[in-house]
Amino acid sequence: MITGVVIGDVTATIRHPFFEGKKLLVVARTGADGRETGDYVIAIDAIGAGPGDPVLVLDEGTGARQVVGSLTAPVRTVIVGFLDRVDLA
């Protein structure tokens, strides 16, 4: 799992049929301190997130496919939750 913030969306004219009707978002990765790391991922939106939302992203293919309900889907990353806060020990 990674933390991040939604910074945009992706529009594609030709897609695999699995992605039809699904929203793809660009998520800037954030560190434990909440600052952007400079890396990003493109993830399927499973929760209705939008620009500026801090999110929790599952970045592991098998788990992501379980979340979207298709064991053969060509997917690796999926947004699974809104991030309320991170507490460091």
PDB file of N, CA and C in Angstrom:
ATOM      1  N   MET A   1       0.846  -1.179   0.000  1.00  0.00           N
ATOM      2  CA  MET A   1       0.000   0.000   0.000  1.00  0.00           C
ATOM      3  C   MET A   1       0.888   1.237   0.000  1.00  0.00           C
ATOM      4  N   ILE A   2       0.393   2.258  -0.658  1.00  0.00           N
ATOM      5  CA  ILE A   2       1.091   3.542  -0.661  1.00  0.00           C
ATOM      6  C   ILE A   2       0.095   4.644  -0.350  1.00  0.00           C
ATOM      7  N   THR A   3       0.620   5.777   0.106  1.00  0.00           N
ATOM      8  CA  THR A   3      -0.217   6.953   0.312  1.00  0.00           C
ATOM      9  C   THR A   3       0.050   7.922  -0.825  1.00  0.00           C
ATOM     10  N   GLY A   4      -0.943   8.746  -1.111  1.00  0.00           N
ATOM     11  CA  GLY A   4      -0.779   9.711  -2.177  1.00  0.00           C
ATOM     12  C   GLY A   4      -1.878  10.739  -2.189  1.00  0.00           C
ATOM     13  N   VAL A   5      -1.790  11.621  -3.164  1.00  0.00           N
ATOM     14  CA  VAL A   5      -2.817  12.638  -3.364  1.00  0.00           C
ATOM     15  C   VAL A   5      -3.166  12.656  -4.851  1.00  0.00           C
ATOM     16  N   VAL A   6      -4.455  12.722  -5.150  1.00  0.00           N
ATOM     17  CA  VAL A   6      -4.906  12.725  -6.543  1.00  0.00           C
ATOM     18  C   VAL A   6      -4.540  14.067  -7.176  1.00  0.00           C
ATOM     19  N   ILE A   7      -3.840  13.985  -8.325  1.00  0.00           N
ATOM     20  CA  ILE A   7      -3.417  15.221  -8.996  1.00  0.00           C
ATOM     21  C   ILE A   7      -4.000  15.366 -10.392  1.00  0.00           C
ATOM     22  N   GLY A   8      -4.747  14.379 -10.858  1.00  0.00           N
ATOM     23  CA  GLY A   8      -5.331  14.494 -12.184  1.00  0.00           C
ATOM     24  C   GLY A   8      -6.016  13.220 -12.622  1.00  0.00           C
ATOM     25  N   ASP A   9      -6.483  13.229 -13.859  1.00  0.00           N
ATOM     26  CA  ASP A   9      -7.123  12.030 -14.394  1.00  0.00           C
ATOM     27  C   ASP A   9      -6.506  11.674 -15.738  1.00  0.00           C
ATOM     28  N   VAL A  10      -6.846  10.489 -16.215  1.00  0.00           N
ATOM     29  CA  VAL A  10      -6.311   9.988 -17.475  1.00  0.00           C
ATOM     30  C   VAL A  10      -7.471   9.744 -18.423  1.00  0.00           C
ATOM     31  N   THR A  11      -7.333  10.224 -19.644  1.00  0.00           N
ATOM     32  CA  THR A  11      -8.312   9.954 -20.693  1.00  0.00           C
ATOM     33  C   THR A  11      -7.600   9.215 -21.810  1.00  0.00           C
ATOM     34  N   ALA A  12      -8.161   8.084 -22.218  1.00  0.00           N
ATOM     35  CA  ALA A  12      -7.565   7.296 -23.288  1.00  0.00           C
ATOM     36  C   ALA A  12      -8.619   7.028 -24.358  1.00  0.00           C
ATOM     37  N   THR A  13      -8.232   7.088 -25.620  1.00  0.00           N
ATOM     38  CA  THR A  13      -9.183   6.862 -26.696  1.00  0.00           C
ATOM     39  C   THR A  13      -9.322   5.381 -27.051  1.00  0.00           C
ATOM     40  N   ILE A  14      -8.291   4.600 -26.821  1.00  0.00           N
ATOM     41  CA  ILE A  14      -8.349   3.165 -27.081  1.00  0.00           C
ATOM     42  C   ILE A  14      -7.960   2.452 -25.798  1.00  0.00           C
ATOM     43  N   ARG A  15      -8.858   1.578 -25.320  1.00  0.00           N
ATOM     44  CA  ARG A  15      -8.607   0.908 -24.063  1.00  0.00           C
ATOM     45  C   ARG A  15      -8.984  -0.566 -24.126  1.00  0.00           C
ATOM     46  N   HIS A  16      -8.432  -1.288 -23.195  1.00  0.00           N
ATOM     47  CA  HIS A  16      -8.850  -2.670 -22.984  1.00  0.00           C
ATOM     48  C   HIS A  16     -10.304  -2.617 -22.514  1.00  0.00           C
ATOM     49  N   PRO A  17     -11.154  -3.542 -22.958  1.00  0.00           N
ATOM     50  CA  PRO A  17     -12.572  -3.509 -22.581  1.00  0.00           C
ATOM     51  C   PRO A  17     -12.820  -3.452 -21.067  1.00  0.00           C
ATOM     52  N   PHE A  18     -11.918  -4.003 -20.267  1.00  0.00           N
ATOM     53  CA  PHE A  18     -12.095  -3.968 -18.815  1.00  0.00           C
ATOM     54  C   PHE A  18     -12.219  -2.544 -18.293  1.00  0.00           C
ATOM     55  N   PHE A  19     -11.500  -1.607 -18.899  1.00  0.00           N
ATOM     56  CA  PHE A  19     -11.462  -0.236 -18.389  1.00  0.00           C
ATOM     57  C   PHE A  19     -12.662   0.611 -18.812  1.00  0.00           C
ATOM     58  N   GLU A  20     -13.524   0.091 -19.654  1.00  0.00           N
ATOM     59  CA  GLU A  20     -14.694   0.843 -20.111  1.00  0.00           C
ATOM     60  C   GLU A  20     -15.555   1.248 -18.915  1.00  0.00           C
ATOM     61  N   GLY A  21     -15.798   2.543 -18.792  1.00  0.00           N
ATOM     62  CA  GLY A  21     -16.635   3.058 -17.710  1.00  0.00           C
ATOM     63  C   GLY A  21     -15.924   3.239 -16.384  1.00  0.00           C
ATOM     64  N   LYS A  22     -14.636   2.949 -16.323  1.00  0.00           N
ATOM     65  CA  LYS A  22     -13.882   3.106 -15.081  1.00  0.00           C
ATOM     66  C   LYS A  22     -13.042   4.379 -15.144  1.00  0.00           C
ATOM     67  N   LYS A  23     -12.916   5.038 -14.009  1.00  0.00           N
ATOM     68  CA  LYS A  23     -12.144   6.275 -13.934  1.00  0.00           C
ATOM     69  C   LYS A  23     -10.704   5.961 -13.537  1.00  0.00           C
ATOM     70  N   LEU A  24      -9.757   6.496 -14.304  1.00  0.00           N
ATOM     71  CA  LEU A  24      -8.340   6.357 -14.002  1.00  0.00           C
ATOM     72  C   LEU A  24      -7.817   7.689 -13.489  1.00  0.00           C
ATOM     73  N   LEU A  25      -7.113   7.652 -12.375  1.00  0.00           N
ATOM     74  CA  LEU A  25      -6.597   8.870 -11.757  1.00  0.00           C
ATOM     75  C   LEU A  25      -5.085   8.823 -11.612  1.00  0.00           C
ATOM     76  N   VAL A  26      -4.456   9.989 -11.712  1.00  0.00           N
ATOM     77  CA  VAL A  26      -3.030  10.127 -11.468  1.00  0.00           C
ATOM     78  C   VAL A  26      -2.867  10.467  -9.986  1.00  0.00           C
ATOM     79  N   VAL A  27      -2.074   9.656  -9.292  1.00  0.00           N
ATOM     80  CA  VAL A  27      -1.865   9.847  -7.858  1.00  0.00           C
ATOM     81  C   VAL A  27      -0.385  10.118  -7.604  1.00  0.00           C
ATOM     82  N   ALA A  28      -0.085  11.282  -7.020  1.00  0.00           N
ATOM     83  CA  ALA A  28       1.287  11.594  -6.622  1.00  0.00           C
ATOM     84  C   ALA A  28       1.568  10.875  -5.309  1.00  0.00           C
ATOM     85  N   ARG A  29       2.628  10.089  -5.287  1.00  0.00           N
ATOM     86  CA  ARG A  29       2.986   9.385  -4.050  1.00  0.00           C
ATOM     87  C   ARG A  29       3.406  10.391  -2.987  1.00  0.00           C
ATOM     88  N   THR A  30       3.077  10.072  -1.737  1.00  0.00           N
ATOM     89  CA  THR A  30       3.502  10.908  -0.616  1.00  0.00           C
ATOM     90  C   THR A  30       4.234  10.041   0.392  1.00  0.00           C
ATOM     91  N   GLY A  31       5.164  10.665   1.105  1.00  0.00           N
ATOM     92  CA  GLY A  31       5.890   9.979   2.164  1.00  0.00           C
ATOM     93  C   GLY A  31       5.091  10.020   3.454  1.00  0.00           C
ATOM     94  N   ALA A  32       5.659   9.460   4.501  1.00  0.00           N
ATOM     95  CA  ALA A  32       4.987   9.433   5.809  1.00  0.00           C
ATOM     96  C   ALA A  32       4.726  10.836   6.345  1.00  0.00           C
ATOM     97  N   ASP A  33       5.521  11.809   5.890  1.00  0.00           N
ATOM     98  CA  ASP A  33       5.331  13.196   6.330  1.00  0.00           C
ATOM     99  C   ASP A  33       4.268  13.933   5.516  1.00  0.00           C
ATOM    100  N   GLY A  34       3.687  13.271   4.516  1.00  0.00           N
ATOM    101  CA  GLY A  34       2.646  13.881   3.702  1.00  0.00           C
ATOM    102  C   GLY A  34       3.144  14.647   2.500  1.00  0.00           C
ATOM    103  N   ARG A  35       4.444  14.749   2.333  1.00  0.00           N
ATOM    104  CA  ARG A  35       5.005  15.477   1.197  1.00  0.00           C
ATOM    105  C   ARG A  35       5.114  14.580  -0.026  1.00  0.00           C
ATOM    106  N   GLU A  36       4.891  15.162  -1.188  1.00  0.00           N
ATOM    107  CA  GLU A  36       5.017  14.409  -2.426  1.00  0.00           C
ATOM    108  C   GLU A  36       6.464  13.983  -2.638  1.00  0.00           C
ATOM    109  N   THR A  37       6.638  12.751  -3.129  1.00  0.00           N
ATOM    110  CA  THR A  37       7.981  12.201  -3.331  1.00  0.00           C
ATOM    111  C   THR A  37       8.534  12.476  -4.721  1.00  0.00           C
ATOM    112  N   GLY A  38       7.683  12.901  -5.652  1.00  0.00           N
ATOM    113  CA  GLY A  38       8.114  13.114  -7.026  1.00  0.00           C
ATOM    114  C   GLY A  38       7.724  11.953  -7.934  1.00  0.00           C
ATOM    115  N   ASP A  39       7.266  10.851  -7.354  1.00  0.00           N
ATOM    116  CA  ASP A  39       6.802   9.704  -8.132  1.00  0.00           C
ATOM    117  C   ASP A  39       5.289   9.746  -8.235  1.00  0.00           C
ATOM    118  N   TYR A  40       4.748   9.009  -9.191  1.00  0.00           N
ATOM    119  CA  TYR A  40       3.296   8.944  -9.323  1.00  0.00           C
ATOM    120  C   TYR A  40       2.892   7.572  -9.832  1.00  0.00           C
ATOM    121  N   VAL A  41       1.615   7.257  -9.664  1.00  0.00           N
ATOM    122  CA  VAL A  41       1.030   6.035 -10.228  1.00  0.00           C
ATOM    123  C   VAL A  41      -0.288   6.418 -10.881  1.00  0.00           C
ATOM    124  N   ILE A  42      -0.728   5.582 -11.805  1.00  0.00           N
ATOM    125  CA  ILE A  42      -2.063   5.721 -12.380  1.00  0.00           C
ATOM    126  C   ILE A  42      -2.886   4.584 -11.804  1.00  0.00           C
ATOM    127  N   ALA A  43      -4.014   4.902 -11.194  1.00  0.00           N
ATOM    128  CA  ALA A  43      -4.801   3.897 -10.479  1.00  0.00           C
ATOM    129  C   ALA A  43      -6.272   3.978 -10.856  1.00  0.00           C
ATOM    130  N   ILE A  44      -6.933   2.833 -10.792  1.00  0.00           N
ATOM    131  CA  ILE A  44      -8.387   2.795 -10.954  1.00  0.00           C
ATOM    132  C   ILE A  44      -9.011   3.382  -9.702  1.00  0.00           C
ATOM    133  N   ASP A  45     -10.011   4.227  -9.878  1.00  0.00           N
ATOM    134  CA  ASP A  45     -10.713   4.821  -8.752  1.00  0.00           C
ATOM    135  C   ASP A  45     -11.859   3.909  -8.326  1.00  0.00           C
ATOM    136  N   ALA A  46     -11.744   3.326  -7.124  1.00  0.00           N
ATOM    137  CA  ALA A  46     -12.789   2.435  -6.616  1.00  0.00           C
ATOM    138  C   ALA A  46     -13.645   3.112  -5.553  1.00  0.00           C
ATOM    139  N   ILE A  47     -13.370   4.407  -5.247  1.00  0.00           N
ATOM    140  CA  ILE A  47     -14.055   5.048  -4.113  1.00  0.00           C
ATOM    141  C   ILE A  47     -14.684   6.399  -4.425  1.00  0.00           C
ATOM    142  N   GLY A  48     -14.512   6.908  -5.627  1.00  0.00           N
ATOM    143  CA  GLY A  48     -15.065   8.225  -5.959  1.00  0.00           C
ATOM    144  C   GLY A  48     -14.164   9.371  -5.561  1.00  0.00           C
ATOM    145  N   ALA A  49     -12.864   9.180  -5.656  1.00  0.00           N
ATOM    146  CA  ALA A  49     -11.900  10.225  -5.301  1.00  0.00           C
ATOM    147  C   ALA A  49     -11.829  11.277  -6.401  1.00  0.00           C
ATOM    148  N   GLY A  50     -11.266  12.425  -6.039  1.00  0.00           N
ATOM    149  CA  GLY A  50     -11.106  13.502  -7.004  1.00  0.00           C
ATOM    150  C   GLY A  50      -9.854  14.300  -6.720  1.00  0.00           C
ATOM    151  N   PRO A  51      -9.563  15.285  -7.552  1.00  0.00           N
ATOM    152  CA  PRO A  51      -8.347  16.090  -7.399  1.00  0.00           C
ATOM    153  C   PRO A  51      -8.211  16.671  -5.989  1.00  0.00           C
ATOM    154  N   GLY A  52      -7.008  16.517  -5.442  1.00  0.00           N
ATOM    155  CA  GLY A  52      -6.708  17.044  -4.115  1.00  0.00           C
ATOM    156  C   GLY A  52      -6.991  16.083  -2.969  1.00  0.00           C
ATOM    157  N   ASP A  53      -7.681  14.991  -3.238  1.00  0.00           N
ATOM    158  CA  ASP A  53      -7.999  14.035  -2.175  1.00  0.00           C
ATOM    159  C   ASP A  53      -6.767  13.218  -1.787  1.00  0.00           C
ATOM    160  N   PRO A  54      -6.458  13.140  -0.481  1.00  0.00           N
ATOM    161  CA  PRO A  54      -5.416  12.219  -0.035  1.00  0.00           C
ATOM    162  C   PRO A  54      -6.000  10.805  -0.020  1.00  0.00           C
ATOM    163  N   VAL A  55      -5.265   9.854  -0.592  1.00  0.00           N
ATOM    164  CA  VAL A  55      -5.817   8.514  -0.778  1.00  0.00           C
ATOM    165  C   VAL A  55      -4.827   7.431  -0.368  1.00  0.00           C
ATOM    166  N   LEU A  56      -5.384   6.234  -0.151  1.00  0.00           N
ATOM    167  CA  LEU A  56      -4.617   5.024   0.095  1.00  0.00           C
ATOM    168  C   LEU A  56      -4.729   4.165  -1.155  1.00  0.00           C
ATOM    169  N   VAL A  57      -3.591   3.742  -1.688  1.00  0.00           N
ATOM    170  CA  VAL A  57      -3.559   3.022  -2.956  1.00  0.00           C
ATOM    171  C   VAL A  57      -2.964   1.627  -2.747  1.00  0.00           C
ATOM    172  N   LEU A  58      -3.680   0.631  -3.237  1.00  0.00           N
ATOM    173  CA  LEU A  58      -3.163  -0.736  -3.252  1.00  0.00           C
ATOM    174  C   LEU A  58      -2.367  -0.886  -4.540  1.00  0.00           C
ATOM    175  N   ASP A  59      -1.068  -1.103  -4.418  1.00  0.00           N
ATOM    176  CA  ASP A  59      -0.173  -1.169  -5.577  1.00  0.00           C
ATOM    177  C   ASP A  59       0.405  -2.575  -5.692  1.00  0.00           C
ATOM    178  N   GLU A  60      -0.476  -3.541  -5.900  1.00  0.00           N
ATOM    179  CA  GLU A  60      -0.077  -4.948  -6.004  1.00  0.00           C
ATOM    180  C   GLU A  60      -1.124  -5.651  -6.835  1.00  0.00           C
ATOM    181  N   GLY A  61      -0.718  -6.210  -7.950  1.00  0.00           N
ATOM    182  CA  GLY A  61      -1.635  -6.739  -8.948  1.00  0.00           C
ATOM    183  C   GLY A  61      -2.709  -7.685  -8.464  1.00  0.00           C
ATOM    184  N   THR A  62      -2.337  -8.754  -7.751  1.00  0.00           N
ATOM    185  CA  THR A  62      -3.331  -9.739  -7.333  1.00  0.00           C
ATOM    186  C   THR A  62      -4.372  -9.123  -6.410  1.00  0.00           C
ATOM    187  N   GLY A  63      -3.927  -8.341  -5.440  1.00  0.00           N
ATOM    188  CA  GLY A  63      -4.868  -7.684  -4.530  1.00  0.00           C
ATOM    189  C   GLY A  63      -5.754  -6.685  -5.255  1.00  0.00           C
ATOM    190  N   ALA A  64      -5.181  -5.945  -6.194  1.00  0.00           N
ATOM    191  CA  ALA A  64      -5.953  -4.972  -6.966  1.00  0.00           C
ATOM    192  C   ALA A  64      -7.029  -5.679  -7.791  1.00  0.00           C
ATOM    193  N   ARG A  65      -6.679  -6.804  -8.396  1.00  0.00           N
ATOM    194  CA  ARG A  65      -7.662  -7.553  -9.176  1.00  0.00           C
ATOM    195  C   ARG A  65      -8.780  -8.094  -8.286  1.00  0.00           C
ATOM    196  N   GLN A  66      -8.467  -8.461  -7.055  1.00  0.00           N
ATOM    197  CA  GLN A  66      -9.504  -8.911  -6.123  1.00  0.00           C
ATOM    198  C   GLN A  66     -10.457  -7.765  -5.790  1.00  0.00           C
ATOM    199  N   VAL A  67      -9.912  -6.561  -5.602  1.00  0.00           N
ATOM    200  CA  VAL A  67     -10.746  -5.399  -5.283  1.00  0.00           C
ATOM    201  C   VAL A  67     -11.716  -5.095  -6.418  1.00  0.00           C
ATOM    202  N   VAL A  68     -11.253  -5.172  -7.661  1.00  0.00           N
ATOM    203  CA  VAL A  68     -12.130  -4.857  -8.799  1.00  0.00           C
ATOM    204  C   VAL A  68     -12.993  -6.045  -9.209  1.00  0.00           C
ATOM    205  N   GLY A  69     -12.765  -7.199  -8.597  1.00  0.00           N
ATOM    206  CA  GLY A  69     -13.628  -8.346  -8.833  1.00  0.00           C
ATOM    207  C   GLY A  69     -13.363  -9.106 -10.120  1.00  0.00           C
ATOM    208  N   SER A  70     -12.126  -9.039 -10.605  1.00  0.00           N
ATOM    209  CA  SER A  70     -11.777  -9.766 -11.829  1.00  0.00           C
ATOM    210  C   SER A  70     -10.350 -10.294 -11.703  1.00  0.00           C
ATOM    211  N   LEU A  71     -10.205 -11.594 -11.655  1.00  0.00           N
ATOM    212  CA  LEU A  71      -8.877 -12.180 -11.505  1.00  0.00           C
ATOM    213  C   LEU A  71      -8.041 -12.120 -12.782  1.00  0.00           C
ATOM    214  N   THR A  72      -8.651 -11.728 -13.901  1.00  0.00           N
ATOM    215  CA  THR A  72      -7.911 -11.634 -15.159  1.00  0.00           C
ATOM    216  C   THR A  72      -7.763 -10.198 -15.659  1.00  0.00           C
ATOM    217  N   ALA A  73      -8.219  -9.227 -14.888  1.00  0.00           N
ATOM    218  CA  ALA A  73      -8.151  -7.823 -15.316  1.00  0.00           C
ATOM    219  C   ALA A  73      -6.694  -7.356 -15.429  1.00  0.00           C
ATOM    220  N   PRO A  74      -6.385  -6.533 -16.438  1.00  0.00           N
ATOM    221  CA  PRO A  74      -5.033  -6.006 -16.582  1.00  0.00           C
ATOM    222  C   PRO A  74      -4.839  -4.779 -15.690  1.00  0.00           C
ATOM    223  N   VAL A  75      -4.791  -5.010 -14.390  1.00  0.00           N
ATOM    224  CA  VAL A  75      -4.716  -3.903 -13.434  1.00  0.00           C
ATOM    225  C   VAL A  75      -3.688  -4.222 -12.352  1.00  0.00           C
ATOM    226  N   ARG A  76      -2.997  -3.185 -11.906  1.00  0.00           N
ATOM    227  CA  ARG A  76      -2.015  -3.333 -10.831  1.00  0.00           C
ATOM    228  C   ARG A  76      -2.344  -2.433  -9.648  1.00  0.00           C
ATOM    229  N   THR A  77      -2.863  -1.217  -9.911  1.00  0.00           N
ATOM    230  CA  THR A  77      -3.091  -0.268  -8.826  1.00  0.00           C
ATOM    231  C   THR A  77      -4.551   0.159  -8.764  1.00  0.00           C
ATOM    232  N   VAL A  78      -5.052   0.297  -7.540  1.00  0.00           N
ATOM    233  CA  VAL A  78      -6.436   0.713  -7.333  1.00  0.00           C
ATOM    234  C   VAL A  78      -6.507   1.559  -6.061  1.00  0.00           C
ATOM    235  N   ILE A  79      -7.272   2.644  -6.137  1.00  0.00           N
ATOM    236  CA  ILE A  79      -7.482   3.498  -4.964  1.00  0.00           C
ATOM    237  C   ILE A  79      -8.539   2.826  -4.098  1.00  0.00           C
ATOM    238  N   VAL A  80      -8.172   2.539  -2.839  1.00  0.00           N
ATOM    239  CA  VAL A  80      -9.063   1.776  -1.968  1.00  0.00           C
ATOM    240  C   VAL A  80      -9.606   2.561  -0.785  1.00  0.00           C
ATOM    241  N   GLY A  81      -9.085   3.755  -0.511  1.00  0.00           N
ATOM    242  CA  GLY A  81      -9.594   4.504   0.629  1.00  0.00           C
ATOM    243  C   GLY A  81      -9.135   5.948   0.638  1.00  0.00           C
ATOM    244  N   PHE A  82      -9.906   6.762   1.354  1.00  0.00           N
ATOM    245  CA  PHE A  82      -9.492   8.149   1.614  1.00  0.00           C
ATOM    246  C   PHE A  82      -8.571   8.130   2.819  1.00  0.00           C
ATOM    247  N   LEU A  83      -7.523   8.902   2.776  1.00  0.00           N
ATOM    248  CA  LEU A  83      -6.541   8.961   3.863  1.00  0.00           C
ATOM    249  C   LEU A  83      -6.927  10.075   4.820  1.00  0.00           C
ATOM    250  N   ASP A  84      -7.270   9.692   6.059  1.00  0.00           N
ATOM    251  CA  ASP A  84      -7.651  10.684   7.061  1.00  0.00           C
ATOM    252  C   ASP A  84      -6.429  11.310   7.720  1.00  0.00           C
ATOM    253  N   ARG A  85      -5.489  10.465   8.144  1.00  0.00           N
ATOM    254  CA  ARG A  85      -4.261  10.973   8.760  1.00  0.00           C
ATOM    255  C   ARG A  85      -3.260   9.837   8.878  1.00  0.00           C
ATOM    256  N   VAL A  86      -2.000  10.210   9.093  1.00  0.00           N
ATOM    257  CA  VAL A  86      -0.927   9.251   9.346  1.00  0.00           C
ATOM    258  C   VAL A  86      -0.291   9.632  10.674  1.00  0.00           C
ATOM    259  N   ASP A  87      -0.277   8.710  11.608  1.00  0.00           N
ATOM    260  CA  ASP A  87       0.353   8.938  12.909  1.00  0.00           C
ATOM    261  C   ASP A  87       1.677   8.194  12.946  1.00  0.00           C
ATOM    262  N   LEU A  88       2.745   8.909  13.210  1.00  0.00           N
ATOM    263  CA  LEU A  88       4.076   8.302  13.315  1.00  0.00           C
ATOM    264  C   LEU A  88       4.429   8.131  14.780  1.00  0.00           C
ATOM    265  N   ALA A  89       5.073   7.021  15.095  1.00  0.00           N
ATOM    266  CA  ALA A  89       5.459   6.735  16.487  1.00  0.00           C
ATOM    267  C   ALA A  89       6.612   7.615  16.909  1.00  0.00           C
TER     268      ALA A  89
END
